[in-house]
């Protein structure tokens, strides 16, 4: 946690150049804790069984913002398309989000 707090402190200095040292000192640890929670982006129910309707799955496929969510949703879409290939227009790769979000400042740069 100490290393994460240090990374957040460095990030805050770059992202908020007018923030005071007091603000950075008081908030770095809290922000680091909050961002560490982002590392668990998907919660799988017991037995990895998840029920979702098609419109929700298509929306999740297009907007998934973390690698874990993208993988989980892509696998669900793949299984649906194996059974119903005629709805492949709902899961166009070009429509999927190309950006990852979350805890970017905690990644090594």
Protein backbone atom coordinates (compact mmCIF):
# COMPACT_ATOMS: atom_id res chain seq x y z
CA UNK A 1 0.00 0.00 0.00
CA UNK A 2 2.95 2.27 0.68
CA UNK A 3 4.13 2.00 -2.92
CA UNK A 4 0.60 2.65 -4.26
CA UNK A 5 0.34 5.74 -2.04
CA UNK A 6 3.66 7.00 -3.39
CA UNK A 7 2.52 6.46 -6.99
CA UNK A 8 -0.73 8.32 -6.30
CA UNK A 9 1.21 11.17 -4.74
CA UNK A 10 3.38 11.44 -7.86
CA UNK A 11 0.32 11.23 -10.10
CA UNK A 12 -1.51 13.95 -8.15
CA UNK A 13 1.46 16.28 -8.56
CA UNK A 14 1.31 15.80 -12.35
CA UNK A 15 -2.47 15.76 -12.70
CA UNK A 16 -3.20 18.61 -10.28
CA UNK A 17 -0.25 20.99 -10.45
CA UNK A 18 -1.96 23.56 -8.23
CA UNK A 19 -2.78 21.10 -5.42
CA UNK A 20 -1.04 21.89 -2.15
CA UNK A 21 1.36 19.48 -0.49
CA UNK A 22 -1.12 19.27 2.40
CA UNK A 23 -3.90 18.16 0.04
CA UNK A 24 -1.64 15.60 -1.62
CA UNK A 25 -0.44 14.27 1.74
CA UNK A 26 -3.95 14.02 3.16
CA UNK A 27 -5.52 12.36 0.13
CA UNK A 28 -2.89 10.13 -1.49
CA UNK A 29 -3.50 7.18 0.82
CA UNK A 30 -7.31 7.41 0.49
CA UNK A 31 -7.15 7.66 -3.29
CA UNK A 32 -4.73 4.72 -3.49
CA UNK A 33 -7.08 2.59 -1.38
CA UNK A 34 -10.03 3.49 -3.58
CA UNK A 35 -8.13 2.73 -6.78
CA UNK A 36 -6.98 -0.65 -5.44
CA UNK A 37 -10.66 -1.62 -5.33
CA UNK A 38 -10.77 -1.19 -9.11
CA UNK A 39 -8.57 -4.28 -9.46
CA UNK A 40 -11.67 -6.42 -8.83
CA UNK A 41 -13.78 -5.11 -11.72
CA UNK A 42 -16.07 -8.09 -12.19
CA UNK A 43 -17.78 -10.18 -9.59
CA UNK A 44 -18.69 -13.67 -10.66
CA UNK A 45 -21.59 -15.30 -8.81
CA UNK A 46 -21.34 -18.86 -7.53
CA UNK A 47 -20.44 -21.39 -10.23
CA UNK A 48 -19.69 -18.58 -12.69
CA UNK A 49 -23.38 -18.52 -13.66
CA UNK A 50 -24.58 -15.11 -14.83
CA UNK A 51 -27.90 -14.37 -16.52
CA UNK A 52 -28.10 -11.38 -18.83
CA UNK A 53 -30.42 -10.37 -21.68
CA UNK A 54 -29.10 -9.71 -25.19
CA UNK A 55 -29.37 -5.92 -25.16
CA UNK A 56 -27.46 -5.75 -21.87
CA UNK A 57 -24.78 -8.13 -23.15
CA UNK A 58 -24.39 -6.12 -26.38
CA UNK A 59 -24.10 -2.90 -24.38
CA UNK A 60 -21.58 -4.44 -21.98
CA UNK A 61 -19.59 -5.72 -24.98
CA UNK A 62 -19.36 -2.21 -26.41
CA UNK A 63 -18.57 -0.44 -23.14
CA UNK A 64 -16.44 -2.86 -21.09
CA UNK A 65 -13.64 -0.74 -19.66
CA UNK A 66 -11.21 -3.16 -18.06
CA UNK A 67 -9.36 -6.17 -19.47
CA UNK A 68 -11.20 -8.55 -17.10
CA UNK A 69 -14.61 -7.20 -18.07
CA UNK A 70 -13.70 -7.28 -21.76
CA UNK A 71 -12.62 -10.91 -21.46
CA UNK A 72 -15.71 -12.01 -19.51
CA UNK A 73 -18.14 -10.23 -21.84
CA UNK A 74 -16.31 -11.42 -24.97
CA UNK A 75 -16.56 -15.01 -23.76
CA UNK A 76 -20.29 -14.60 -23.14
CA UNK A 77 -20.72 -13.10 -26.62
CA UNK A 78 -18.67 -15.91 -28.18
CA UNK A 79 -20.89 -18.55 -26.57
CA UNK A 80 -24.05 -16.78 -27.75
CA UNK A 81 -22.68 -16.46 -31.30
CA UNK A 82 -21.81 -20.16 -31.44
CA UNK A 83 -25.49 -20.92 -30.97
CA UNK A 84 -26.97 -17.92 -32.83
CA UNK A 85 -24.47 -16.76 -35.50
CA UNK A 86 -27.13 -14.61 -37.18
CA UNK A 87 -26.87 -11.97 -34.47
CA UNK A 88 -23.16 -11.31 -35.02
CA UNK A 89 -24.01 -7.69 -35.95
CA UNK A 90 -24.63 -7.09 -32.23
CA UNK A 91 -21.01 -7.93 -31.38
CA UNK A 92 -18.85 -6.19 -33.98
CA UNK A 93 -15.24 -5.94 -32.78
CA UNK A 94 -14.99 -2.44 -34.26
CA UNK A 95 -17.80 -1.32 -31.95
CA UNK A 96 -16.07 -2.56 -28.79
CA UNK A 97 -14.30 -0.07 -26.54
CA UNK A 98 -10.60 0.20 -27.36
CA UNK A 99 -9.64 1.97 -24.14
CA UNK A 100 -8.97 0.61 -20.69
CA UNK A 101 -9.99 2.59 -17.65
CA UNK A 102 -9.10 2.42 -14.01
CA UNK A 103 -6.02 2.58 -11.87
CA UNK A 104 -3.95 3.75 -14.82
CA UNK A 105 -1.72 5.78 -12.57
CA UNK A 106 -0.90 2.66 -10.56
CA UNK A 107 0.50 0.88 -13.61
CA UNK A 108 4.24 1.04 -14.24
CA UNK A 109 5.00 3.61 -16.89
